[in-house]
């Protein structure tokens, strides 16, 4: 199915479904959420980063993203199932669920650029009627209640960026159908949280030039590490898991506010208290995404 895809440049002006009518703010102000983040100025848009990424998406990137999903769930688990992708970002994973045979895919994101990015991939997939794209927040219960519970609820590296992580996890979990799966990735807690948060705050407060300088410093660190490992430092922008690349993942990390973390024990206990059973976990070091697959007994 991947061979049917044609990755030409898509038009930026979207008229269908009214997506071109959405106002794209350049600054957001957080008034609540995690400690140390109140009234934080955020100039970074996850959606703009993923919108940039979508222009580079290749069949190879889609294949790698599909392989990651298949390794976790298996194609048979996805075929004929309903899927909700919370915080769909670039839309590449919603695309993969569709291509792996999901009965219905619903993609949602609060960032209009992510909605646009996902719509571009939807159009490239020939506008399938069983793939819906919604603009809304996981913190908006009224909005979520318009979405029927799904057999697979997926949210990769999203819920810790809402400014109210535990509420977001709680709300997302309510959309899992009995007998379904809840697959999430959450940043791991550790002693360097204040330094990580300060870096993200500095990046968001920086000018466009300042942001580029911070990015270059981090890229130089990656290049130095590759040199120490005997690898080509110029080949730092590697293709990584889930179909992404090092550069867009780096920008996502630097700009990602709000920023909350949790230990694996906290996530497991929180979900188990809500009736979920842990099926699989891929642990990570501090600042990395630990991945959890839970099931909700029928």
C-alpha atoms as a PDB file:
ATOM      1  CA  UNK A   1       0.000   0.000   0.000  1.00  0.00           C
ATOM      2  CA  UNK A   2       2.953   2.276   0.673  1.00  0.00           C
ATOM      3  CA  UNK A   3       3.775   2.254  -3.045  1.00  0.00           C
ATOM      4  CA  UNK A   4       0.510   4.072  -3.809  1.00  0.00           C
ATOM      5  CA  UNK A   5       1.782   7.112  -1.974  1.00  0.00           C
ATOM      6  CA  UNK A   6       3.013  10.198  -3.811  1.00  0.00           C
ATOM      7  CA  UNK A   7       4.955  12.627  -1.636  1.00  0.00           C
ATOM      8  CA  UNK A   8       4.785  15.832  -3.613  1.00  0.00           C
ATOM      9  CA  UNK A   9       4.693  19.280  -2.005  1.00  0.00           C
ATOM     10  CA  UNK A  10       1.183  20.001  -0.777  1.00  0.00           C
ATOM     11  CA  UNK A  11      -0.487  23.384  -1.038  1.00  0.00           C
ATOM     12  CA  UNK A  12      -0.370  25.458   2.114  1.00  0.00           C
ATOM     13  CA  UNK A  13      -3.757  27.025   1.578  1.00  0.00           C
ATOM     14  CA  UNK A  14      -6.371  24.521   2.714  1.00  0.00           C
ATOM     15  CA  UNK A  15      -9.984  25.241   1.862  1.00  0.00           C
ATOM     16  CA  UNK A  16     -11.613  21.910   2.570  1.00  0.00           C
ATOM     17  CA  UNK A  17     -13.191  21.552   6.034  1.00  0.00           C
ATOM     18  CA  UNK A  18     -12.339  25.172   6.786  1.00  0.00           C
ATOM     19  CA  UNK A  19      -8.797  24.523   8.075  1.00  0.00           C
ATOM     20  CA  UNK A  20      -7.483  27.646   6.345  1.00  0.00           C
ATOM     21  CA  UNK A  21      -9.789  29.729   8.533  1.00  0.00           C
ATOM     22  CA  UNK A  22      -7.997  28.867  11.781  1.00  0.00           C
ATOM     23  CA  UNK A  23      -5.958  31.682  13.337  1.00  0.00           C
ATOM     24  CA  UNK A  24      -2.407  30.583  14.120  1.00  0.00           C
ATOM     25  CA  UNK A  25      -1.159  32.420  17.213  1.00  0.00           C
ATOM     26  CA  UNK A  26       2.566  32.929  17.652  1.00  0.00           C
ATOM     27  CA  UNK A  27       2.561  33.001  21.451  1.00  0.00           C
ATOM     28  CA  UNK A  28       0.682  31.064  24.071  1.00  0.00           C
ATOM     29  CA  UNK A  29       0.533  31.783  27.800  1.00  0.00           C
ATOM     30  CA  UNK A  30       0.157  29.042  30.374  1.00  0.00           C
ATOM     31  CA  UNK A  31      -1.553  30.023  33.627  1.00  0.00           C
ATOM     32  CA  UNK A  32      -1.645  26.642  35.310  1.00  0.00           C
ATOM     33  CA  UNK A  33      -0.190  23.153  35.117  1.00  0.00           C
ATOM     34  CA  UNK A  34       2.988  21.797  36.599  1.00  0.00           C
ATOM     35  CA  UNK A  35       4.941  23.527  39.300  1.00  0.00           C
ATOM     36  CA  UNK A  36       7.591  25.944  37.937  1.00  0.00           C
ATOM     37  CA  UNK A  37       5.607  26.502  34.702  1.00  0.00           C
ATOM     38  CA  UNK A  38       2.939  28.985  35.712  1.00  0.00           C
ATOM     39  CA  UNK A  39       2.623  31.983  33.393  1.00  0.00           C
ATOM     40  CA  UNK A  40       5.301  30.524  31.127  1.00  0.00           C
ATOM     41  CA  UNK A  41       5.628  32.150  27.708  1.00  0.00           C
ATOM     42  CA  UNK A  42       5.590  29.582  24.909  1.00  0.00           C
ATOM     43  CA  UNK A  43       6.660  30.622  21.417  1.00  0.00           C
ATOM     44  CA  UNK A  44       7.263  27.111  20.101  1.00  0.00           C
ATOM     45  CA  UNK A  45       4.548  25.301  18.149  1.00  0.00           C
ATOM     46  CA  UNK A  46       4.733  21.522  18.008  1.00  0.00           C
ATOM     47  CA  UNK A  47       2.484  21.726  14.965  1.00  0.00           C
ATOM     48  CA  UNK A  48       4.792  24.059  13.049  1.00  0.00           C
ATOM     49  CA  UNK A  49       7.672  21.656  13.666  1.00  0.00           C
ATOM     50  CA  UNK A  50       5.632  18.694  12.424  1.00  0.00           C
ATOM     51  CA  UNK A  51       4.268  20.748   9.528  1.00  0.00           C
ATOM     52  CA  UNK A  52       7.892  21.216   8.461  1.00  0.00           C
ATOM     53  CA  UNK A  53       8.511  17.488   8.918  1.00  0.00           C
ATOM     54  CA  UNK A  54       5.538  16.513   6.737  1.00  0.00           C
ATOM     55  CA  UNK A  55       7.183  18.176   3.732  1.00  0.00           C
ATOM     56  CA  UNK A  56      10.074  15.703   4.111  1.00  0.00           C
ATOM     57  CA  UNK A  57       8.035  12.533   4.698  1.00  0.00           C
ATOM     58  CA  UNK A  58       9.047   9.679   2.421  1.00  0.00           C
ATOM     59  CA  UNK A  59       7.782   6.165   1.874  1.00  0.00           C
ATOM     60  CA  UNK A  60      10.763   4.971   3.915  1.00  0.00           C
ATOM     61  CA  UNK A  61       9.681   7.133   6.872  1.00  0.00           C
ATOM     62  CA  UNK A  62       6.162   5.700   6.682  1.00  0.00           C
ATOM     63  CA  UNK A  63       7.546   2.160   6.491  1.00  0.00           C
ATOM     64  CA  UNK A  64       9.708   2.720   9.578  1.00  0.00           C
ATOM     65  CA  UNK A  65       6.775   4.162  11.522  1.00  0.00           C
ATOM     66  CA  UNK A  66       4.591   1.221  10.507  1.00  0.00           C
ATOM     67  CA  UNK A  67       7.266  -1.239  11.598  1.00  0.00           C
ATOM     68  CA  UNK A  68       7.427   0.342  15.058  1.00  0.00           C
ATOM     69  CA  UNK A  69       3.649   0.082  15.491  1.00  0.00           C
ATOM     70  CA  UNK A  70       3.569  -3.489  14.191  1.00  0.00           C
ATOM     71  CA  UNK A  71       6.324  -4.546  16.586  1.00  0.00           C
ATOM     72  CA  UNK A  72       4.308  -3.228  19.524  1.00  0.00           C
ATOM     73  CA  UNK A  73       0.813  -4.288  18.564  1.00  0.00           C
ATOM     74  CA  UNK A  74       0.980  -6.647  15.607  1.00  0.00           C
ATOM     75  CA  UNK A  75      -0.994  -6.104  12.426  1.00  0.00           C
ATOM     76  CA  UNK A  76      -3.711  -8.541  13.522  1.00  0.00           C
ATOM     77  CA  UNK A  77      -4.391  -6.428  16.621  1.00  0.00           C
ATOM     78  CA  UNK A  78      -5.002  -3.336  14.466  1.00  0.00           C
ATOM     79  CA  UNK A  79      -6.959  -4.784  11.531  1.00  0.00           C
ATOM     80  CA  UNK A  80     -10.659  -4.052  11.854  1.00  0.00           C
ATOM     81  CA  UNK A  81     -10.227  -2.006  15.038  1.00  0.00           C
ATOM     82  CA  UNK A  82     -11.180   1.588  15.837  1.00  0.00           C
ATOM     83  CA  UNK A  83      -8.286   3.902  16.722  1.00  0.00           C
ATOM     84  CA  UNK A  84      -8.035   7.299  18.430  1.00  0.00           C
ATOM     85  CA  UNK A  85      -4.732   9.171  17.980  1.00  0.00           C
ATOM     86  CA  UNK A  86      -4.562  11.880  20.667  1.00  0.00           C
ATOM     87  CA  UNK A  87      -2.085  14.611  19.794  1.00  0.00           C
ATOM     88  CA  UNK A  88      -1.618  13.338  16.252  1.00  0.00           C
ATOM     89  CA  UNK A  89       1.246  15.772  15.472  1.00  0.00           C
ATOM     90  CA  UNK A  90       2.492  15.184  11.944  1.00  0.00           C
ATOM     91  CA  UNK A  91      -0.230  12.616  11.317  1.00  0.00           C
ATOM     92  CA  UNK A  92       2.227   9.908  10.294  1.00  0.00           C
ATOM     93  CA  UNK A  93       1.035   7.454  12.943  1.00  0.00           C
ATOM     94  CA  UNK A  94      -2.615   7.987  12.115  1.00  0.00           C
ATOM     95  CA  UNK A  95      -1.636   7.253   8.527  1.00  0.00           C
ATOM     96  CA  UNK A  96       0.100   4.060   9.635  1.00  0.00           C
ATOM     97  CA  UNK A  97      -2.920   2.851  11.604  1.00  0.00           C
ATOM     98  CA  UNK A  98      -5.064   3.461   8.518  1.00  0.00           C
ATOM     99  CA  UNK A  99      -2.603   1.608   6.257  1.00  0.00           C
ATOM    100  CA  UNK A 100      -2.392  -1.281   8.739  1.00  0.00           C
ATOM    101  CA  UNK A 101      -6.097  -1.917   8.288  1.00  0.00           C
ATOM    102  CA  UNK A 102      -7.830  -0.070  11.114  1.00  0.00           C
ATOM    103  CA  UNK A 103     -11.595   0.024  10.697  1.00  0.00           C
ATOM    104  CA  UNK A 104     -11.702   3.705  11.639  1.00  0.00           C
ATOM    105  CA  UNK A 105      -9.066   6.260  12.651  1.00  0.00           C
ATOM    106  CA  UNK A 106      -9.823   9.479  14.510  1.00  0.00           C
ATOM    107  CA  UNK A 107      -6.932  11.960  14.752  1.00  0.00           C
ATOM    108  CA  UNK A 108      -7.100  14.921  17.127  1.00  0.00           C
ATOM    109  CA  UNK A 109      -4.757  17.750  18.066  1.00  0.00           C
ATOM    110  CA  UNK A 110      -5.056  21.132  19.763  1.00  0.00           C
ATOM    111  CA  UNK A 111      -2.448  22.720  17.459  1.00  0.00           C
ATOM    112  CA  UNK A 112      -3.977  23.836  14.132  1.00  0.00           C
ATOM    113  CA  UNK A 113      -0.677  23.255  12.326  1.00  0.00           C
ATOM    114  CA  UNK A 114      -0.801  19.604  13.412  1.00  0.00           C
ATOM    115  CA  UNK A 115      -4.378  19.415  12.156  1.00  0.00           C
ATOM    116  CA  UNK A 116      -3.154  20.822   8.826  1.00  0.00           C
ATOM    117  CA  UNK A 117      -0.210  18.394   8.705  1.00  0.00           C
ATOM    118  CA  UNK A 118      -2.472  15.430   9.340  1.00  0.00           C
ATOM    119  CA  UNK A 119      -4.924  16.620   6.719  1.00  0.00           C
ATOM    120  CA  UNK A 120      -2.100  16.748   4.164  1.00  0.00           C
ATOM    121  CA  UNK A 121      -1.306  13.072   4.779  1.00  0.00           C
ATOM    122  CA  UNK A 122      -5.027  12.267   4.701  1.00  0.00           C
ATOM    123  CA  UNK A 123      -5.238  13.895   1.274  1.00  0.00           C
ATOM    124  CA  UNK A 124      -2.200  11.960   0.073  1.00  0.00           C
ATOM    125  CA  UNK A 125      -3.970   8.795   1.223  1.00  0.00           C
ATOM    126  CA  UNK A 126      -6.801   9.776  -1.150  1.00  0.00           C
ATOM    127  CA  UNK A 127      -9.112  11.169   1.554  1.00  0.00           C
ATOM    128  CA  UNK A 128     -10.374   7.920   3.103  1.00  0.00           C
ATOM    129  CA  UNK A 129     -13.817   8.248   4.639  1.00  0.00           C
ATOM    130  CA  UNK A 130     -12.857   6.088   7.629  1.00  0.00           C
ATOM    131  CA  UNK A 131     -10.152   8.544   8.779  1.00  0.00           C
ATOM    132  CA  UNK A 132     -11.453  11.633  10.600  1.00  0.00           C
ATOM    133  CA  UNK A 133      -9.376  14.629  11.742  1.00  0.00           C
ATOM    134  CA  UNK A 134     -10.533  16.811  14.637  1.00  0.00           C
ATOM    135  CA  UNK A 135      -9.257  20.048  16.182  1.00  0.00           C
ATOM    136  CA  UNK A 136      -9.575  19.861  19.961  1.00  0.00           C
ATOM    137  CA  UNK A 137      -7.898  19.380  23.335  1.00  0.00           C
ATOM    138  CA  UNK A 138      -7.598  16.296  25.505  1.00  0.00           C
ATOM    139  CA  UNK A 139      -8.307  18.628  28.445  1.00  0.00           C
ATOM    140  CA  UNK A 140     -11.723  19.538  26.998  1.00  0.00           C
ATOM    141  CA  UNK A 141     -14.066  16.901  28.421  1.00  0.00           C
ATOM    142  CA  UNK A 142     -17.062  18.174  26.471  1.00  0.00           C
ATOM    143  CA  UNK A 143     -15.100  17.764  23.247  1.00  0.00           C
ATOM    144  CA  UNK A 144     -13.820  14.299  24.219  1.00  0.00           C
ATOM    145  CA  UNK A 145     -17.310  13.134  25.084  1.00  0.00           C
ATOM    146  CA  UNK A 146     -18.283  13.638  21.443  1.00  0.00           C
ATOM    147  CA  UNK A 147     -15.819  10.845  20.558  1.00  0.00           C
ATOM    148  CA  UNK A 148     -17.008   7.301  21.188  1.00  0.00           C
ATOM    149  CA  UNK A 149     -14.590   5.026  23.104  1.00  0.00           C
ATOM    150  CA  UNK A 150     -12.147   3.311  20.765  1.00  0.00           C
ATOM    151  CA  UNK A 151     -10.489  -0.104  20.770  1.00  0.00           C
ATOM    152  CA  UNK A 152      -7.012   1.448  20.550  1.00  0.00           C
ATOM    153  CA  UNK A 153      -6.193   4.812  22.117  1.00  0.00           C
ATOM    154  CA  UNK A 154      -2.723   6.052  21.222  1.00  0.00           C
ATOM    155  CA  UNK A 155      -0.903   9.120  22.551  1.00  0.00           C
ATOM    156  CA  UNK A 156       2.852   9.189  22.014  1.00  0.00           C
ATOM    157  CA  UNK A 157       4.807  11.875  23.885  1.00  0.00           C
ATOM    158  CA  UNK A 158       1.857  14.255  24.104  1.00  0.00           C
ATOM    159  CA  UNK A 159       0.085  14.166  27.459  1.00  0.00           C
ATOM    160  CA  UNK A 160       3.085  15.531  29.396  1.00  0.00           C
ATOM    161  CA  UNK A 161       2.958  18.696  27.253  1.00  0.00           C
ATOM    162  CA  UNK A 162      -0.601  19.716  28.137  1.00  0.00           C
ATOM    163  CA  UNK A 163       0.172  21.624  31.353  1.00  0.00           C
ATOM    164  CA  UNK A 164      -2.034  19.176  33.264  1.00  0.00           C
ATOM    165  CA  UNK A 165      -0.512  15.764  32.655  1.00  0.00           C
ATOM    166  CA  UNK A 166      -2.478  13.653  35.118  1.00  0.00           C
ATOM    167  CA  UNK A 167      -5.773  15.162  34.000  1.00  0.00           C
ATOM    168  CA  UNK A 168      -4.768  14.509  30.389  1.00  0.00           C
ATOM    169  CA  UNK A 169      -3.937  10.854  31.104  1.00  0.00           C
ATOM    170  CA  UNK A 170      -7.206  10.483  33.004  1.00  0.00           C
ATOM    171  CA  UNK A 171      -9.233  12.029  30.180  1.00  0.00           C
ATOM    172  CA  UNK A 172      -7.480  10.006  27.497  1.00  0.00           C
ATOM    173  CA  UNK A 173      -8.076   6.787  29.416  1.00  0.00           C
ATOM    174  CA  UNK A 174     -11.832   7.377  29.391  1.00  0.00           C
ATOM    175  CA  UNK A 175     -11.851   6.995  25.597  1.00  0.00           C
ATOM    176  CA  UNK A 176     -10.637   3.380  25.779  1.00  0.00           C
ATOM    177  CA  UNK A 177     -13.349   0.864  25.022  1.00  0.00           C
ATOM    178  CA  UNK A 178     -13.735  -2.146  27.304  1.00  0.00           C
ATOM    179  CA  UNK A 179     -11.440  -4.856  25.991  1.00  0.00           C
ATOM    180  CA  UNK A 180      -9.308  -2.187  24.320  1.00  0.00           C
ATOM    181  CA  UNK A 181      -5.707  -0.963  24.504  1.00  0.00           C
ATOM    182  CA  UNK A 182      -4.181   2.243  25.874  1.00  0.00           C
ATOM    183  CA  UNK A 183      -0.724   2.994  24.429  1.00  0.00           C
ATOM    184  CA  UNK A 184       1.083   6.069  25.768  1.00  0.00           C
ATOM    185  CA  UNK A 185       4.604   7.469  26.079  1.00  0.00           C
ATOM    186  CA  UNK A 186       5.535   9.785  28.961  1.00  0.00           C
ATOM    187  CA  UNK A 187       8.782  11.565  29.884  1.00  0.00           C
ATOM    188  CA  UNK A 188      10.693   9.902  32.723  1.00  0.00           C
ATOM    189  CA  UNK A 189      11.295  11.735  35.980  1.00  0.00           C
ATOM    190  CA  UNK A 190      14.832  12.360  37.259  1.00  0.00           C
ATOM    191  CA  UNK A 191      17.118  14.768  39.134  1.00  0.00           C
ATOM    192  CA  UNK A 192      17.908  16.884  36.059  1.00  0.00           C
ATOM    193  CA  UNK A 193      14.345  18.105  35.564  1.00  0.00           C
ATOM    194  CA  UNK A 194      15.136  21.726  36.610  1.00  0.00           C
ATOM    195  CA  UNK A 195      17.993  21.940  34.090  1.00  0.00           C
ATOM    196  CA  UNK A 196      15.894  20.421  31.313  1.00  0.00           C
ATOM    197  CA  UNK A 197      13.049  22.802  32.076  1.00  0.00           C
ATOM    198  CA  UNK A 198      15.417  25.803  32.128  1.00  0.00           C
ATOM    199  CA  UNK A 199      16.763  24.856  28.679  1.00  0.00           C
ATOM    200  CA  UNK A 200      13.259  24.646  27.266  1.00  0.00           C
ATOM    201  CA  UNK A 201      12.333  27.980  28.834  1.00  0.00           C
ATOM    202  CA  UNK A 202      15.466  29.611  27.389  1.00  0.00           C
ATOM    203  CA  UNK A 203      14.641  28.253  23.941  1.00  0.00           C
ATOM    204  CA  UNK A 204      11.081  29.583  24.086  1.00  0.00           C
ATOM    205  CA  UNK A 205      12.203  33.010  25.269  1.00  0.00           C
ATOM    206  CA  UNK A 206      14.857  33.291  22.574  1.00  0.00           C
ATOM    207  CA  UNK A 207      14.477  35.161  19.296  1.00  0.00           C
ATOM    208  CA  UNK A 208      14.440  33.237  16.003  1.00  0.00           C
ATOM    209  CA  UNK A 209      18.200  33.724  15.791  1.00  0.00           C
ATOM    210  CA  UNK A 210      18.612  32.720  19.422  1.00  0.00           C
ATOM    211  CA  UNK A 211      16.663  29.529  18.795  1.00  0.00           C
ATOM    212  CA  UNK A 212      18.928  28.667  15.860  1.00  0.00           C
ATOM    213  CA  UNK A 213      22.001  29.234  18.031  1.00  0.00           C
ATOM    214  CA  UNK A 214      20.642  26.900  20.734  1.00  0.00           C
ATOM    215  CA  UNK A 215      19.832  24.293  18.096  1.00  0.00           C
ATOM    216  CA  UNK A 216      23.359  24.543  16.650  1.00  0.00           C
ATOM    217  CA  UNK A 217      24.884  24.071  20.110  1.00  0.00           C
ATOM    218  CA  UNK A 218      22.852  20.910  20.634  1.00  0.00           C
ATOM    219  CA  UNK A 219      23.727  19.644  17.152  1.00  0.00           C
ATOM    220  CA  UNK A 220      27.418  20.198  17.883  1.00  0.00           C
ATOM    221  CA  UNK A 221      27.012  18.053  21.004  1.00  0.00           C
ATOM    222  CA  UNK A 222      25.501  15.296  18.874  1.00  0.00           C
ATOM    223  CA  UNK A 223      28.326  15.593  16.347  1.00  0.00           C
ATOM    224  CA  UNK A 224      30.961  15.469  19.094  1.00  0.00           C
ATOM    225  CA  UNK A 225      29.388  12.364  20.587  1.00  0.00           C
ATOM    226  CA  UNK A 226      29.374  10.660  17.192  1.00  0.00           C
ATOM    227  CA  UNK A 227      33.045  11.551  16.717  1.00  0.00           C
ATOM    228  CA  UNK A 228      33.873  10.041  20.119  1.00  0.00           C
ATOM    229  CA  UNK A 229      31.996   6.898  19.098  1.00  0.00           C
ATOM    230  CA  UNK A 230      33.990   6.605  15.881  1.00  0.00           C
ATOM    231  CA  UNK A 231      30.994   7.597  13.745  1.00  0.00           C
ATOM    232  CA  UNK A 232      30.765  10.218  11.016  1.00  0.00           C
ATOM    233  CA  UNK A 233      29.871  13.466  12.852  1.00  0.00           C
ATOM    234  CA  UNK A 234      28.442  15.008   9.667  1.00  0.00           C
ATOM    235  CA  UNK A 235      25.878  12.225   9.488  1.00  0.00           C
ATOM    236  CA  UNK A 236      24.182  13.337  12.718  1.00  0.00           C
ATOM    237  CA  UNK A 237      20.663  13.792  11.286  1.00  0.00           C
ATOM    238  CA  UNK A 238      19.709  10.139  11.457  1.00  0.00           C
ATOM    239  CA  UNK A 239      16.393   8.534  10.678  1.00  0.00           C
ATOM    240  CA  UNK A 240      14.974   7.469  14.027  1.00  0.00           C
ATOM    241  CA  UNK A 241      12.128   5.345  15.340  1.00  0.00           C
ATOM    242  CA  UNK A 242       8.503   6.136  14.505  1.00  0.00           C
ATOM    243  CA  UNK A 243       9.536   7.515  11.098  1.00  0.00           C
ATOM    244  CA  UNK A 244      11.036  10.734  12.481  1.00  0.00           C
ATOM    245  CA  UNK A 245      14.487  12.275  12.078  1.00  0.00           C
ATOM    246  CA  UNK A 246      16.996  13.579  14.607  1.00  0.00           C
ATOM    247  CA  UNK A 247      16.570  17.255  13.741  1.00  0.00           C
ATOM    248  CA  UNK A 248      12.796  17.430  14.164  1.00  0.00           C
ATOM    249  CA  UNK A 249      12.976  15.330  17.342  1.00  0.00           C
ATOM    250  CA  UNK A 250      15.656  17.698  18.702  1.00  0.00           C
ATOM    251  CA  UNK A 251      13.544  20.788  17.993  1.00  0.00           C
ATOM    252  CA  UNK A 252      10.548  19.041  19.556  1.00  0.00           C
ATOM    253  CA  UNK A 253      12.614  18.402  22.688  1.00  0.00           C
ATOM    254  CA  UNK A 254      14.008  21.936  22.939  1.00  0.00           C
ATOM    255  CA  UNK A 255      10.704  23.695  22.403  1.00  0.00           C
ATOM    256  CA  UNK A 256       8.461  21.310  24.316  1.00  0.00           C
ATOM    257  CA  UNK A 257       6.593  23.294  26.942  1.00  0.00           C
ATOM    258  CA  UNK A 258       4.686  22.685  29.152  1.00  0.00           C
ATOM    259  CA  UNK A 259       6.961  19.902  30.381  1.00  0.00           C
ATOM    260  CA  UNK A 260       6.005  17.352  33.036  1.00  0.00           C
ATOM    261  CA  UNK A 261       7.542  14.027  33.996  1.00  0.00           C
ATOM    262  CA  UNK A 262       6.627  10.895  35.913  1.00  0.00           C
ATOM    263  CA  UNK A 263       8.267   7.726  37.160  1.00  0.00           C
ATOM    264  CA  UNK A 264       7.236   4.417  35.640  1.00  0.00           C
ATOM    265  CA  UNK A 265       5.786   3.406  39.011  1.00  0.00           C
ATOM    266  CA  UNK A 266       3.579   6.513  39.085  1.00  0.00           C
ATOM    267  CA  UNK A 267       2.206   5.884  35.596  1.00  0.00           C
ATOM    268  CA  UNK A 268       1.599   2.192  36.219  1.00  0.00           C
ATOM    269  CA  UNK A 269      -0.118   2.800  39.559  1.00  0.00           C
ATOM    270  CA  UNK A 270      -2.240   5.631  38.147  1.00  0.00           C
ATOM    271  CA  UNK A 271      -3.535   3.477  35.300  1.00  0.00           C
ATOM    272  CA  UNK A 272      -3.989   0.356  37.411  1.00  0.00           C
ATOM    273  CA  UNK A 273      -6.121   2.364  39.829  1.00  0.00           C
ATOM    274  CA  UNK A 274      -8.421   3.026  36.864  1.00  0.00           C
ATOM    275  CA  UNK A 275      -8.805  -0.629  36.006  1.00  0.00           C
ATOM    276  CA  UNK A 276      -6.037  -1.005  33.422  1.00  0.00           C
ATOM    277  CA  UNK A 277      -3.559  -3.859  33.252  1.00  0.00           C
ATOM    278  CA  UNK A 278       0.032  -3.369  32.103  1.00  0.00           C
ATOM    279  CA  UNK A 279       0.758  -5.497  29.038  1.00  0.00           C
ATOM    280  CA  UNK A 280       4.137  -4.155  27.965  1.00  0.00           C
ATOM    281  CA  UNK A 281       6.636  -1.468  28.939  1.00  0.00           C
ATOM    282  CA  UNK A 282       9.762  -0.043  27.322  1.00  0.00           C
ATOM    283  CA  UNK A 283      11.597   1.890  30.003  1.00  0.00           C
ATOM    284  CA  UNK A 284      13.832   4.881  29.275  1.00  0.00           C
ATOM    285  CA  UNK A 285      16.350   7.042  31.076  1.00  0.00           C
ATOM    286  CA  UNK A 286      15.591  10.462  32.482  1.00  0.00           C
ATOM    287  CA  UNK A 287      14.146  12.827  29.885  1.00  0.00           C
ATOM    288  CA  UNK A 288      13.336   9.965  27.532  1.00  0.00           C
ATOM    289  CA  UNK A 289       9.903   8.614  26.719  1.00  0.00           C
ATOM    290  CA  UNK A 290       8.962   5.451  28.578  1.00  0.00           C
ATOM    291  CA  UNK A 291       6.369   3.590  26.538  1.00  0.00           C
ATOM    292  CA  UNK A 292       3.423   1.793  28.151  1.00  0.00           C
ATOM    293  CA  UNK A 293       0.820  -0.526  26.694  1.00  0.00           C
ATOM    294  CA  UNK A 294      -2.190  -1.100  28.940  1.00  0.00           C
ATOM    295  CA  UNK A 295      -5.318  -3.152  28.388  1.00  0.00           C
ATOM    296  CA  UNK A 296      -8.779  -2.500  29.796  1.00  0.00           C
ATOM    297  CA  UNK A 297     -10.537  -5.791  30.639  1.00  0.00           C
ATOM    298  CA  UNK A 298     -13.892  -6.344  28.978  1.00  0.00           C
END
